[in-house]
Structure formats: structure tokens, C-alpha cells
Amino acid sequence: MIAFVQGPVAAIAAGTAVVEVGGVGMAVQCTPGTLAGLRPGEHTRLATSLVVREDSLTLYGFADDDERATFEILQAAPGVGPRLAQAMLGVHTPDALRLAVANGDEKALIAVPGIGKAKAAKLLLEYKDKLGAPHGSVPAQKPIAAGPAPWGEQLHAALVGLGYAPREADDAVAAVTPEAEAQATTDVGALLKAALRTLNRAR
């Protein structure tokens, strides 16, 4: 198992960071929130989980060991692969997911792309005795770190990273632009939550 990668960030793309480790570029799949905290050329350390399939080896990266441990529990559930587990952590912190499971909060899981009401109910039962209790204070939604890019670009990248098509992401950014301008906010985490609501209504 590759427990972590450490080195300068060589490149960042939608859903992926390339970290140089001993002269080798390691492609690491990350949530939008984790990617937003990285900068090309800067040193980073990402906790990682290697997912092995018959035709692929995929390395998933996380901001800390708690996110990695939570990811491994999430993706082990029936009907949940690594991409859906990563999407859950793209929307919620590990503690927010623990709280949602402890409270039987279907709406929190339905906010994740790819999870409907029936699946949310099954997952609440599946995770009930596995995720444990929250470790500390729980934000309502996982924040996305602020960066130099305009909020619209960050929001678009976050939505694409969660599995939405670029055109859907364009529509969602357009839908929340009036709210962002009216409130003079560049809080990408709050805008992501609003964008997900518009996308869920559209579906």
C-alpha cells in the first residue's frame, strides 16, 4: 500500500494532481477541496489509498489520514466504488458524514451526486456501525479553500470533479451567479452547495 506521497506539485488538472516523487510523477485523484489547496511548484504531502482493479491501478489522495480512512470505509460498502466515495468526501467532511449517519440524515447523502433517496437509506444502514462518532465540530458543508482563480472557475472545476458534465457545471455556475453577486460572496463552499441544489432540482 502507498500510504502517502510527498513532493512538489508538478501539475493540477480536473480531479487530478501530479506529485513528483523521486523524479517520478505520481497521478493522484483528489476531491475539488483538496485540489484547491494545492499550488503547482509547492511542496505537498497527501495521504493516499491505492485502488487495484484488473485493468487499472488508481491512487486516491486526501488532505489527511482521517479522510483516507473514511474513504476506505465508504468505498467498501456494496454498490459504492471509489469514485462515489470520493464524491461523498468532496461534498462533506468525514465528521459531517459521521453526523449524517448517526442522525439518519438522508438529505445529507442525497446532496452527493449519484446518491438518490433509496440508495441513501441503504447507505445509512450500511455505515451505521462503521463510521463511528464525529471527532469534533462539524461544518454543514465541506469548504473549498480559496485560491487565486475566480470563484466561477473554482466552482466549475469542483462540479466537474464531482462527476457533472461541463455543460451542467456551466448552467449551475450561471444559476448561482445572481446569488453570488447579490451577497458579494466568493465563498466557493457555500456556492457549491447552492449549485448542487439547482442541479438536483434539474434532475
N, C-alpha and C. Protein backbone atom coordinates (compact mmCIF):
# COMPACT_ATOMS: atom_id res chain seq x y z
N MET A 1 0.84 -1.20 0.00
CA MET A 1 0.00 0.00 0.00
C MET A 1 0.87 1.25 0.00
N ILE A 2 0.49 2.24 -0.78
CA ILE A 2 1.17 3.53 -0.78
C ILE A 2 0.43 4.42 0.20
N ALA A 3 1.00 4.66 1.38
CA ALA A 3 0.31 5.38 2.45
C ALA A 3 0.25 6.88 2.22
N PHE A 4 1.27 7.43 1.55
CA PHE A 4 1.25 8.85 1.24
C PHE A 4 2.25 9.14 0.13
N VAL A 5 2.07 10.30 -0.51
CA VAL A 5 3.05 10.80 -1.46
C VAL A 5 3.47 12.19 -1.00
N GLN A 6 4.71 12.51 -1.22
CA GLN A 6 5.24 13.78 -0.74
C GLN A 6 6.24 14.34 -1.74
N GLY A 7 6.06 15.61 -2.08
CA GLY A 7 6.95 16.24 -3.03
C GLY A 7 6.31 17.45 -3.65
N PRO A 8 6.98 18.08 -4.62
CA PRO A 8 6.41 19.26 -5.27
C PRO A 8 5.26 18.87 -6.20
N VAL A 9 4.28 19.76 -6.29
CA VAL A 9 3.15 19.56 -7.20
C VAL A 9 3.61 19.92 -8.61
N ALA A 10 3.60 18.93 -9.50
CA ALA A 10 4.06 19.16 -10.87
C ALA A 10 2.96 19.72 -11.76
N ALA A 11 1.71 19.30 -11.51
CA ALA A 11 0.60 19.76 -12.35
C ALA A 11 -0.72 19.50 -11.64
N ILE A 12 -1.74 20.27 -12.01
CA ILE A 12 -3.08 20.10 -11.48
C ILE A 12 -4.06 20.14 -12.64
N ALA A 13 -4.95 19.15 -12.70
CA ALA A 13 -6.00 19.11 -13.70
C ALA A 13 -7.31 18.79 -13.00
N ALA A 14 -8.40 18.74 -13.75
CA ALA A 14 -9.69 18.43 -13.15
C ALA A 14 -9.66 17.06 -12.51
N GLY A 15 -9.76 17.03 -11.19
CA GLY A 15 -9.82 15.77 -10.46
C GLY A 15 -8.49 15.11 -10.19
N THR A 16 -7.38 15.68 -10.68
CA THR A 16 -6.08 15.02 -10.56
C THR A 16 -4.97 16.00 -10.23
N ALA A 17 -4.08 15.56 -9.35
CA ALA A 17 -2.84 16.29 -9.10
C ALA A 17 -1.68 15.36 -9.42
N VAL A 18 -0.62 15.90 -9.99
CA VAL A 18 0.58 15.13 -10.25
C VAL A 18 1.65 15.60 -9.26
N VAL A 19 2.10 14.67 -8.42
CA VAL A 19 3.11 14.98 -7.41
C VAL A 19 4.41 14.29 -7.80
N GLU A 20 5.50 15.04 -7.83
CA GLU A 20 6.79 14.47 -8.20
C GLU A 20 7.41 13.79 -6.98
N VAL A 21 7.62 12.49 -7.10
CA VAL A 21 8.20 11.70 -6.01
C VAL A 21 9.44 10.99 -6.54
N GLY A 22 10.61 11.41 -6.12
CA GLY A 22 11.84 10.78 -6.57
C GLY A 22 12.03 10.82 -8.06
N GLY A 23 11.62 11.92 -8.70
CA GLY A 23 11.78 12.05 -10.14
C GLY A 23 10.67 11.41 -10.95
N VAL A 24 9.66 10.84 -10.27
CA VAL A 24 8.53 10.20 -10.95
C VAL A 24 7.26 10.99 -10.65
N GLY A 25 6.47 11.26 -11.67
CA GLY A 25 5.21 11.98 -11.48
C GLY A 25 4.10 11.01 -11.12
N MET A 26 3.59 11.14 -9.90
CA MET A 26 2.51 10.27 -9.42
C MET A 26 1.18 10.98 -9.62
N ALA A 27 0.29 10.41 -10.46
CA ALA A 27 -1.03 10.98 -10.69
C ALA A 27 -1.95 10.55 -9.54
N VAL A 28 -2.52 11.52 -8.85
CA VAL A 28 -3.34 11.25 -7.67
C VAL A 28 -4.72 11.86 -7.87
N GLN A 29 -5.76 11.04 -7.73
CA GLN A 29 -7.13 11.51 -7.86
C GLN A 29 -7.54 12.18 -6.54
N CYS A 30 -7.99 13.43 -6.61
CA CYS A 30 -8.30 14.19 -5.39
C CYS A 30 -9.67 14.85 -5.51
N THR A 31 -10.25 15.19 -4.36
CA THR A 31 -11.50 15.94 -4.35
C THR A 31 -11.22 17.39 -4.75
N PRO A 32 -12.24 18.12 -5.20
CA PRO A 32 -12.04 19.54 -5.53
C PRO A 32 -11.47 20.34 -4.36
N GLY A 33 -11.92 20.04 -3.14
CA GLY A 33 -11.42 20.76 -1.98
C GLY A 33 -9.94 20.55 -1.76
N THR A 34 -9.47 19.33 -1.94
CA THR A 34 -8.05 19.03 -1.79
C THR A 34 -7.24 19.70 -2.89
N LEU A 35 -7.74 19.63 -4.12
CA LEU A 35 -7.04 20.26 -5.25
C LEU A 35 -6.94 21.77 -5.08
N ALA A 36 -7.98 22.38 -4.51
CA ALA A 36 -7.98 23.83 -4.35
C ALA A 36 -6.91 24.30 -3.39
N GLY A 37 -6.44 23.40 -2.53
CA GLY A 37 -5.40 23.76 -1.58
C GLY A 37 -3.99 23.53 -2.10
N LEU A 38 -3.87 23.03 -3.33
CA LEU A 38 -2.55 22.76 -3.92
C LEU A 38 -2.16 23.86 -4.89
N ARG A 39 -0.85 24.06 -5.03
CA ARG A 39 -0.33 25.03 -5.99
C ARG A 39 0.84 24.40 -6.75
N PRO A 40 0.87 24.51 -8.07
CA PRO A 40 2.00 23.97 -8.85
C PRO A 40 3.32 24.54 -8.35
N GLY A 41 4.28 23.65 -8.16
CA GLY A 41 5.60 24.06 -7.70
C GLY A 41 5.76 24.03 -6.20
N GLU A 42 4.66 24.02 -5.45
CA GLU A 42 4.74 24.00 -4.00
C GLU A 42 4.80 22.56 -3.48
N HIS A 43 5.43 22.38 -2.35
CA HIS A 43 5.58 21.06 -1.75
C HIS A 43 4.27 20.66 -1.08
N THR A 44 3.92 19.37 -1.17
CA THR A 44 2.71 18.89 -0.53
C THR A 44 2.92 17.48 0.00
N ARG A 45 2.05 17.08 0.88
CA ARG A 45 2.01 15.70 1.38
C ARG A 45 0.55 15.26 1.39
N LEU A 46 0.23 14.23 0.64
CA LEU A 46 -1.13 13.72 0.55
C LEU A 46 -1.19 12.29 1.07
N ALA A 47 -2.11 12.04 1.99
CA ALA A 47 -2.40 10.66 2.38
C ALA A 47 -3.05 9.98 1.18
N THR A 48 -2.72 8.73 0.93
CA THR A 48 -3.22 8.07 -0.28
C THR A 48 -3.77 6.68 -0.03
N SER A 49 -4.62 6.25 -0.95
CA SER A 49 -5.17 4.90 -0.94
C SER A 49 -5.09 4.36 -2.36
N LEU A 50 -4.47 3.21 -2.53
CA LEU A 50 -4.32 2.62 -3.85
C LEU A 50 -5.47 1.63 -4.10
N VAL A 51 -6.23 1.88 -5.17
CA VAL A 51 -7.34 1.01 -5.54
C VAL A 51 -6.90 0.16 -6.73
N VAL A 52 -6.92 -1.14 -6.55
CA VAL A 52 -6.44 -2.07 -7.58
C VAL A 52 -7.62 -2.72 -8.29
N ARG A 53 -7.64 -2.61 -9.59
CA ARG A 53 -8.63 -3.29 -10.42
C ARG A 53 -7.89 -4.15 -11.44
N GLU A 54 -8.61 -5.03 -12.11
CA GLU A 54 -7.97 -5.92 -13.08
C GLU A 54 -7.25 -5.15 -14.17
N ASP A 55 -7.82 -4.00 -14.56
CA ASP A 55 -7.24 -3.26 -15.68
C ASP A 55 -6.66 -1.91 -15.27
N SER A 56 -6.55 -1.65 -13.96
CA SER A 56 -6.04 -0.34 -13.57
C SER A 56 -5.53 -0.32 -12.13
N LEU A 57 -4.62 0.62 -11.88
CA LEU A 57 -4.14 0.95 -10.54
C LEU A 57 -4.39 2.45 -10.37
N THR A 58 -5.24 2.82 -9.43
CA THR A 58 -5.59 4.23 -9.25
C THR A 58 -5.25 4.68 -7.85
N LEU A 59 -4.54 5.79 -7.76
CA LEU A 59 -4.13 6.32 -6.47
C LEU A 59 -5.03 7.51 -6.12
N TYR A 60 -5.70 7.41 -4.97
CA TYR A 60 -6.57 8.47 -4.50
C TYR A 60 -5.87 9.23 -3.38
N GLY A 61 -5.95 10.56 -3.42
CA GLY A 61 -5.24 11.38 -2.45
C GLY A 61 -6.17 12.19 -1.56
N PHE A 62 -5.71 12.42 -0.31
CA PHE A 62 -6.54 13.09 0.69
C PHE A 62 -5.71 14.06 1.52
N ALA A 63 -6.40 15.04 2.09
CA ALA A 63 -5.72 16.07 2.86
C ALA A 63 -5.10 15.51 4.13
N ASP A 64 -5.69 14.45 4.69
CA ASP A 64 -5.15 13.88 5.93
C ASP A 64 -5.54 12.40 6.05
N ASP A 65 -5.02 11.77 7.11
CA ASP A 65 -5.25 10.34 7.31
C ASP A 65 -6.71 10.02 7.62
N ASP A 66 -7.42 10.95 8.26
CA ASP A 66 -8.83 10.72 8.59
C ASP A 66 -9.66 10.62 7.32
N GLU A 67 -9.40 11.50 6.36
CA GLU A 67 -10.12 11.43 5.08
C GLU A 67 -9.84 10.11 4.39
N ARG A 68 -8.58 9.67 4.41
CA ARG A 68 -8.25 8.41 3.75
C ARG A 68 -8.97 7.24 4.41
N ALA A 69 -8.95 7.19 5.75
CA ALA A 69 -9.60 6.09 6.47
C ALA A 69 -11.10 6.09 6.20
N THR A 70 -11.70 7.28 6.16
CA THR A 70 -13.13 7.38 5.88
C THR A 70 -13.44 6.91 4.47
N PHE A 71 -12.60 7.31 3.51
CA PHE A 71 -12.76 6.88 2.12
C PHE A 71 -12.75 5.36 2.02
N GLU A 72 -11.85 4.72 2.71
CA GLU A 72 -11.73 3.26 2.62
C GLU A 72 -12.94 2.56 3.21
N ILE A 73 -13.54 3.15 4.25
CA ILE A 73 -14.78 2.59 4.80
C ILE A 73 -15.93 2.81 3.82
N LEU A 74 -16.03 4.02 3.29
CA LEU A 74 -17.12 4.35 2.38
C LEU A 74 -17.12 3.47 1.14
N GLN A 75 -15.96 3.30 0.51
CA GLN A 75 -15.93 2.60 -0.77
C GLN A 75 -16.04 1.08 -0.62
N ALA A 76 -15.95 0.60 0.61
CA ALA A 76 -16.09 -0.85 0.84
C ALA A 76 -17.55 -1.29 0.91
N ALA A 77 -18.48 -0.34 0.96
CA ALA A 77 -19.90 -0.69 1.05
C ALA A 77 -20.40 -1.22 -0.29
N PRO A 78 -21.36 -2.14 -0.28
CA PRO A 78 -21.92 -2.66 -1.53
C PRO A 78 -22.52 -1.54 -2.37
N GLY A 79 -22.17 -1.52 -3.65
CA GLY A 79 -22.71 -0.51 -4.56
C GLY A 79 -22.00 0.83 -4.51
N VAL A 80 -20.94 0.91 -3.72
CA VAL A 80 -20.18 2.16 -3.63
C VAL A 80 -18.75 1.90 -4.07
N GLY A 81 -18.36 2.50 -5.17
CA GLY A 81 -16.98 2.38 -5.62
C GLY A 81 -16.17 3.57 -5.16
N PRO A 82 -14.91 3.60 -5.53
CA PRO A 82 -14.05 4.70 -5.10
C PRO A 82 -14.49 6.07 -5.58
N ARG A 83 -15.06 6.15 -6.77
CA ARG A 83 -15.46 7.46 -7.30
C ARG A 83 -16.62 8.04 -6.49
N LEU A 84 -17.58 7.20 -6.12
CA LEU A 84 -18.70 7.69 -5.32
C LEU A 84 -18.24 8.03 -3.91
N ALA A 85 -17.34 7.22 -3.37
CA ALA A 85 -16.80 7.51 -2.04
C ALA A 85 -16.06 8.85 -2.05
N GLN A 86 -15.31 9.09 -3.12
CA GLN A 86 -14.59 10.36 -3.23
C GLN A 86 -15.58 11.52 -3.39
N ALA A 87 -16.68 11.30 -4.12
CA ALA A 87 -17.69 12.35 -4.27
C ALA A 87 -18.30 12.71 -2.92
N MET A 88 -18.51 11.71 -2.06
CA MET A 88 -19.04 11.99 -0.72
C MET A 88 -18.11 12.91 0.06
N LEU A 89 -16.81 12.63 -0.06
CA LEU A 89 -15.82 13.46 0.65
C LEU A 89 -15.59 14.79 -0.05
N GLY A 90 -16.03 14.89 -1.30
CA GLY A 90 -15.96 16.17 -1.99
C GLY A 90 -17.03 17.13 -1.49
N VAL A 91 -18.15 16.58 -1.00
CA VAL A 91 -19.26 17.39 -0.53
C VAL A 91 -19.23 17.57 0.99
N HIS A 92 -18.85 16.51 1.72
CA HIS A 92 -18.90 16.54 3.18
C HIS A 92 -17.54 16.17 3.79
N THR A 93 -17.25 16.73 4.95
CA THR A 93 -16.09 16.31 5.72
C THR A 93 -16.37 14.94 6.33
N PRO A 94 -15.34 14.21 6.77
CA PRO A 94 -15.58 12.94 7.45
C PRO A 94 -16.51 13.09 8.64
N ASP A 95 -16.33 14.14 9.46
CA ASP A 95 -17.20 14.33 10.62
C ASP A 95 -18.65 14.63 10.21
N ALA A 96 -18.84 15.38 9.12
CA ALA A 96 -20.19 15.66 8.65
C ALA A 96 -20.87 14.37 8.20
N LEU A 97 -20.12 13.46 7.58
CA LEU A 97 -20.68 12.17 7.18
C LEU A 97 -21.02 11.33 8.42
N ARG A 98 -20.13 11.36 9.42
CA ARG A 98 -20.42 10.61 10.66
C ARG A 98 -21.70 11.11 11.31
N LEU A 99 -21.84 12.44 11.34
CA LEU A 99 -23.03 13.03 11.96
C LEU A 99 -24.28 12.68 11.17
N ALA A 100 -24.18 12.71 9.84
CA ALA A 100 -25.33 12.37 8.99
C ALA A 100 -25.77 10.94 9.24
N VAL A 101 -24.81 10.03 9.33
CA VAL A 101 -25.15 8.63 9.58
C VAL A 101 -25.74 8.45 10.98
N ALA A 102 -25.14 9.11 11.96
CA ALA A 102 -25.63 8.99 13.33
C ALA A 102 -27.06 9.51 13.47
N ASN A 103 -27.39 10.55 12.68
CA ASN A 103 -28.72 11.17 12.76
C ASN A 103 -29.70 10.61 11.73
N GLY A 104 -29.24 9.67 10.90
CA GLY A 104 -30.11 9.13 9.85
C GLY A 104 -30.52 10.20 8.85
N ASP A 105 -29.61 11.09 8.52
CA ASP A 105 -29.91 12.25 7.66
C ASP A 105 -29.76 11.89 6.19
N GLU A 106 -30.87 11.48 5.58
CA GLU A 106 -30.85 11.10 4.17
C GLU A 106 -30.51 12.29 3.28
N LYS A 107 -31.00 13.48 3.64
CA LYS A 107 -30.79 14.65 2.78
C LYS A 107 -29.31 14.95 2.60
N ALA A 108 -28.52 14.72 3.64
CA ALA A 108 -27.08 14.98 3.53
C ALA A 108 -26.44 14.08 2.48
N LEU A 109 -26.87 12.83 2.43
CA LEU A 109 -26.31 11.91 1.44
C LEU A 109 -26.86 12.18 0.05
N ILE A 110 -28.13 12.56 -0.03
CA ILE A 110 -28.74 12.85 -1.33
C ILE A 110 -28.07 14.06 -1.99
N ALA A 111 -27.44 14.93 -1.19
CA ALA A 111 -26.73 16.08 -1.74
C ALA A 111 -25.52 15.67 -2.56
N VAL A 112 -25.10 14.41 -2.42
CA VAL A 112 -23.94 13.90 -3.16
C VAL A 112 -24.40 13.41 -4.54
N PRO A 113 -23.78 13.88 -5.62
CA PRO A 113 -24.15 13.39 -6.95
C PRO A 113 -24.03 11.87 -7.04
N GLY A 114 -25.07 11.23 -7.57
CA GLY A 114 -25.05 9.78 -7.71
C GLY A 114 -25.76 9.04 -6.61
N ILE A 115 -26.26 9.76 -5.59
CA ILE A 115 -26.98 9.11 -4.50
C ILE A 115 -28.42 9.63 -4.47
N GLY A 116 -29.37 8.70 -4.67
CA GLY A 116 -30.78 9.03 -4.58
C GLY A 116 -31.34 8.63 -3.23
N LYS A 117 -32.63 8.81 -3.06
CA LYS A 117 -33.27 8.55 -1.76
C LYS A 117 -33.13 7.09 -1.34
N ALA A 118 -33.39 6.15 -2.25
CA ALA A 118 -33.31 4.73 -1.90
C ALA A 118 -31.89 4.33 -1.52
N LYS A 119 -30.92 4.81 -2.30
CA LYS A 119 -29.53 4.46 -2.02
C LYS A 119 -29.07 5.09 -0.71
N ALA A 120 -29.53 6.32 -0.44
CA ALA A 120 -29.16 6.99 0.80
C ALA A 120 -29.64 6.19 2.00
N ALA A 121 -30.87 5.68 1.92
CA ALA A 121 -31.42 4.89 3.03
C ALA A 121 -30.59 3.63 3.27
N LYS A 122 -30.17 2.97 2.19
CA LYS A 122 -29.36 1.76 2.32
C LYS A 122 -27.99 2.07 2.91
N LEU A 123 -27.40 3.18 2.47
CA LEU A 123 -26.07 3.52 2.95
C LEU A 123 -26.09 3.91 4.43
N LEU A 124 -27.15 4.56 4.87
CA LEU A 124 -27.25 4.91 6.29
C LEU A 124 -27.21 3.65 7.15
N LEU A 125 -27.86 2.61 6.69
CA LEU A 125 -27.84 1.33 7.42
C LEU A 125 -26.46 0.67 7.32
N GLU A 126 -25.87 0.74 6.14
CA GLU A 126 -24.58 0.10 5.91
C GLU A 126 -23.48 0.72 6.75
N TYR A 127 -23.51 2.05 6.89
CA TYR A 127 -22.44 2.75 7.59
C TYR A 127 -22.69 2.92 9.08
N LYS A 128 -23.87 2.54 9.54
CA LYS A 128 -24.29 2.85 10.92
C LYS A 128 -23.26 2.48 11.97
N ASP A 129 -22.70 1.29 11.88
CA ASP A 129 -21.76 0.83 12.91
C ASP A 129 -20.30 0.87 12.44
N LYS A 130 -20.05 1.59 11.34
CA LYS A 130 -18.70 1.57 10.76
C LYS A 130 -17.97 2.91 10.80
N LEU A 131 -18.71 4.00 10.67
CA LEU A 131 -18.05 5.31 10.61
C LEU A 131 -17.70 5.86 11.99
N GLY A 132 -18.46 5.48 13.00
CA GLY A 132 -18.18 5.97 14.34
C GLY A 132 -18.77 7.35 14.58
N ALA A 133 -18.43 7.93 15.74
CA ALA A 133 -18.97 9.23 16.14
C ALA A 133 -18.09 10.36 15.61
N PRO A 134 -18.68 11.55 15.42
CA PRO A 134 -17.89 12.71 14.99
C PRO A 134 -16.75 12.98 15.98
N HIS A 135 -15.64 13.46 15.46
CA HIS A 135 -14.47 13.72 16.30
C HIS A 135 -14.44 15.14 16.86
N GLY A 136 -15.18 16.05 16.21
CA GLY A 136 -15.13 17.44 16.65
C GLY A 136 -16.30 18.21 16.10
N SER A 137 -16.14 19.54 15.95
CA SER A 137 -17.20 20.37 15.40
C SER A 137 -17.39 20.03 13.93
N VAL A 138 -18.62 20.14 13.46
CA VAL A 138 -18.95 19.71 12.10
C VAL A 138 -19.51 20.86 11.28
N PRO A 139 -18.81 21.28 10.23
CA PRO A 139 -19.39 22.30 9.34
C PRO A 139 -20.50 21.68 8.51
N ALA A 140 -21.46 22.49 8.09
CA ALA A 140 -22.60 21.98 7.31
C ALA A 140 -22.14 21.40 5.98
N GLN A 141 -21.12 21.96 5.41
CA GLN A 141 -20.64 21.51 4.10
C GLN A 141 -19.13 21.68 4.06
N LYS A 142 -18.46 20.82 3.36
CA LYS A 142 -17.01 20.91 3.29
C LYS A 142 -16.60 22.17 2.54
N PRO A 143 -15.78 23.02 3.15
CA PRO A 143 -15.36 24.23 2.45
C PRO A 143 -14.32 23.92 1.40
N ILE A 144 -14.27 24.72 0.38
CA ILE A 144 -13.23 24.61 -0.64
C ILE A 144 -12.28 25.78 -0.42
N ALA A 145 -11.01 25.47 -0.28
CA ALA A 145 -10.05 26.51 0.04
C ALA A 145 -10.02 27.58 -1.03
N ALA A 146 -9.88 28.81 -0.58
CA ALA A 146 -9.83 29.93 -1.53
C ALA A 146 -8.52 29.91 -2.28
N GLY A 147 -8.53 30.32 -3.52
CA GLY A 147 -7.32 30.34 -4.32
C GLY A 147 -7.32 31.57 -5.21
N PRO A 148 -6.31 31.73 -6.03
CA PRO A 148 -6.22 32.92 -6.86
C PRO A 148 -7.20 32.92 -8.01
N ALA A 149 -7.74 31.75 -8.39
CA ALA A 149 -8.65 31.70 -9.53
C ALA A 149 -9.99 32.34 -9.16
N PRO A 150 -10.72 32.93 -10.12
CA PRO A 150 -12.05 33.47 -9.85
C PRO A 150 -12.96 32.37 -9.32
N TRP A 151 -13.95 32.77 -8.50
CA TRP A 151 -14.81 31.77 -7.87
C TRP A 151 -15.55 30.92 -8.90
N GLY A 152 -15.91 31.53 -10.03
CA GLY A 152 -16.65 30.78 -11.05
C GLY A 152 -15.84 29.61 -11.60
N GLU A 153 -14.54 29.84 -11.81
CA GLU A 153 -13.69 28.78 -12.32
C GLU A 153 -13.51 27.67 -11.27
N GLN A 154 -13.36 28.08 -10.01
CA GLN A 154 -13.22 27.09 -8.94
C GLN A 154 -14.49 26.26 -8.81
N LEU A 155 -15.64 26.94 -8.87
CA LEU A 155 -16.91 26.24 -8.74
C LEU A 155 -17.11 25.27 -9.90
N HIS A 156 -16.79 25.72 -11.11
CA HIS A 156 -16.93 24.86 -12.29
C HIS A 156 -16.05 23.62 -12.15
N ALA A 157 -14.80 23.81 -11.72
CA ALA A 157 -13.87 22.69 -11.55
C ALA A 157 -14.37 21.73 -10.46
N ALA A 158 -14.94 22.28 -9.41
CA ALA A 158 -15.46 21.45 -8.32
C ALA A 158 -16.60 20.57 -8.81
N LEU A 159 -17.51 21.13 -9.60
CA LEU A 159 -18.66 20.37 -10.11
C LEU A 159 -18.22 19.29 -11.09
N VAL A 160 -17.28 19.62 -11.96
CA VAL A 160 -16.76 18.62 -12.90
C VAL A 160 -16.06 17.51 -12.12
N GLY A 161 -15.33 17.89 -11.07
CA GLY A 161 -14.66 16.90 -10.24
C GLY A 161 -15.62 15.97 -9.52
N LEU A 162 -16.85 16.46 -9.28
CA LEU A 162 -17.87 15.63 -8.64
C LEU A 162 -18.64 14.78 -9.64
N GLY A 163 -18.29 14.88 -10.91
CA GLY A 163 -18.90 13.99 -11.90
C GLY A 163 -19.91 14.63 -12.84
N TYR A 164 -20.17 15.92 -12.70
CA TYR A 164 -21.11 16.57 -13.61
C TYR A 164 -20.43 16.91 -14.93
N ALA A 165 -21.23 16.93 -15.98
CA ALA A 165 -20.72 17.28 -17.30
C ALA A 165 -20.39 18.77 -17.32
N PRO A 166 -19.40 19.17 -18.13
CA PRO A 166 -19.04 20.59 -18.20
C PRO A 166 -20.23 21.50 -18.49
N ARG A 167 -21.15 21.05 -19.35
CA ARG A 167 -22.31 21.90 -19.66
C ARG A 167 -23.21 22.04 -18.44
N GLU A 168 -23.39 20.96 -17.68
CA GLU A 168 -24.18 21.05 -16.45
C GLU A 168 -23.52 22.01 -15.47
N ALA A 169 -22.19 21.92 -15.38
CA ALA A 169 -21.45 22.82 -14.49
C ALA A 169 -21.61 24.27 -14.93
N ASP A 170 -21.58 24.52 -16.24
CA ASP A 170 -21.79 25.88 -16.76
C ASP A 170 -23.15 26.42 -16.33
N ASP A 171 -24.18 25.58 -16.48
CA ASP A 171 -25.55 26.00 -16.13
C ASP A 171 -25.66 26.29 -14.63
N ALA A 172 -25.01 25.46 -13.82
CA ALA A 172 -25.08 25.65 -12.37
C ALA A 172 -24.36 26.91 -11.94
N VAL A 173 -23.22 27.19 -12.55
CA VAL A 173 -22.49 28.43 -12.23
C VAL A 173 -23.34 29.64 -12.60
N ALA A 174 -23.98 29.57 -13.76
CA ALA A 174 -24.84 30.68 -14.20
C ALA A 174 -26.02 30.86 -13.24
N ALA A 175 -26.55 29.74 -12.73
CA ALA A 175 -27.71 29.80 -11.85
C ALA A 175 -27.40 30.46 -10.51
N VAL A 176 -26.17 30.28 -10.01
CA VAL A 176 -25.84 30.85 -8.70
C VAL A 176 -25.14 32.20 -8.80
N THR A 177 -24.84 32.64 -10.02
CA THR A 177 -24.16 33.94 -10.18
C THR A 177 -24.95 35.10 -9.57
N PRO A 178 -26.28 35.18 -9.79
CA PRO A 178 -27.02 36.29 -9.16
C PRO A 178 -26.89 36.28 -7.64
N GLU A 179 -26.94 35.09 -7.04
CA GLU A 179 -26.79 34.99 -5.59
C GLU A 179 -25.41 35.46 -5.14
N ALA A 180 -24.38 35.05 -5.88
CA ALA A 180 -23.02 35.45 -5.53
C ALA A 180 -22.84 36.96 -5.63
N GLU A 181 -23.41 37.54 -6.69
CA GLU A 181 -23.26 38.98 -6.87
C GLU A 181 -24.08 39.77 -5.87
N ALA A 182 -25.28 39.26 -5.55
CA ALA A 182 -26.15 39.97 -4.61
C ALA A 182 -25.55 39.99 -3.20
N GLN A 183 -24.91 38.87 -2.82
CA GLN A 183 -24.34 38.76 -1.49
C GLN A 183 -22.86 39.14 -1.46
N ALA A 184 -22.33 39.48 -2.64
CA ALA A 184 -20.91 39.84 -2.75
C ALA A 184 -20.03 38.79 -2.09
N THR A 185 -20.34 37.52 -2.38
CA THR A 185 -19.60 36.43 -1.74
C THR A 185 -18.73 35.68 -2.74
N THR A 186 -17.56 35.22 -2.28
CA THR A 186 -16.72 34.32 -3.08
C THR A 186 -16.47 33.05 -2.28
N ASP A 187 -17.40 32.73 -1.36
CA ASP A 187 -17.30 31.50 -0.56
C ASP A 187 -17.69 30.33 -1.46
N VAL A 188 -16.69 29.67 -2.03
CA VAL A 188 -16.96 28.61 -3.01
C VAL A 188 -17.70 27.44 -2.38
N GLY A 189 -17.43 27.16 -1.10
CA GLY A 189 -18.14 26.08 -0.42
C GLY A 189 -19.64 26.33 -0.38
N ALA A 190 -20.05 27.56 -0.01
CA ALA A 190 -21.47 27.89 0.04
C ALA A 190 -22.08 27.90 -1.35
N LEU A 191 -21.34 28.41 -2.32
CA LEU A 191 -21.85 28.44 -3.69
C LEU A 191 -21.96 27.05 -4.28
N LEU A 192 -21.04 26.14 -3.90
CA LEU A 192 -21.13 24.75 -4.35
C LEU A 192 -22.41 24.11 -3.84
N LYS A 193 -22.74 24.38 -2.58
CA LYS A 193 -23.97 23.84 -2.01
C LYS A 193 -25.18 24.33 -2.78
N ALA A 194 -25.21 25.64 -3.10
CA ALA A 194 -26.33 26.20 -3.86
C ALA A 194 -26.38 25.61 -5.27
N ALA A 195 -25.22 25.43 -5.89
CA ALA A 195 -25.18 24.87 -7.24
C ALA A 195 -25.69 23.44 -7.26
N LEU A 196 -25.35 22.66 -6.24
CA LEU A 196 -25.82 21.28 -6.18
C LEU A 196 -27.33 21.23 -6.02
N ARG A 197 -27.89 22.20 -5.29
CA ARG A 197 -29.35 22.24 -5.16
C ARG A 197 -30.01 22.48 -6.51
N THR A 198 -29.44 23.37 -7.31
CA THR A 198 -30.02 23.65 -8.62
C THR A 198 -29.92 22.44 -9.54
N LEU A 199 -28.81 21.72 -9.46
CA LEU A 199 -28.63 20.53 -10.29
C LEU A 199 -29.56 19.41 -9.88
N ASN A 200 -29.77 19.25 -8.57
CA ASN A 200 -30.68 18.21 -8.09
C ASN A 200 -32.10 18.50 -8.51
N ARG A 201 -32.49 19.79 -8.51
CA ARG A 201 -33.82 20.15 -8.97
C ARG A 201 -33.99 19.86 -10.46
N ALA A 202 -32.94 20.12 -11.21
CA ALA A 202 -32.99 19.91 -12.67
C ALA A 202 -33.17 18.45 -13.00
N ARG A 203 -32.66 17.56 -12.12
CA ARG A 203 -32.79 16.12 -12.38
C ARG A 203 -34.10 15.56 -11.86
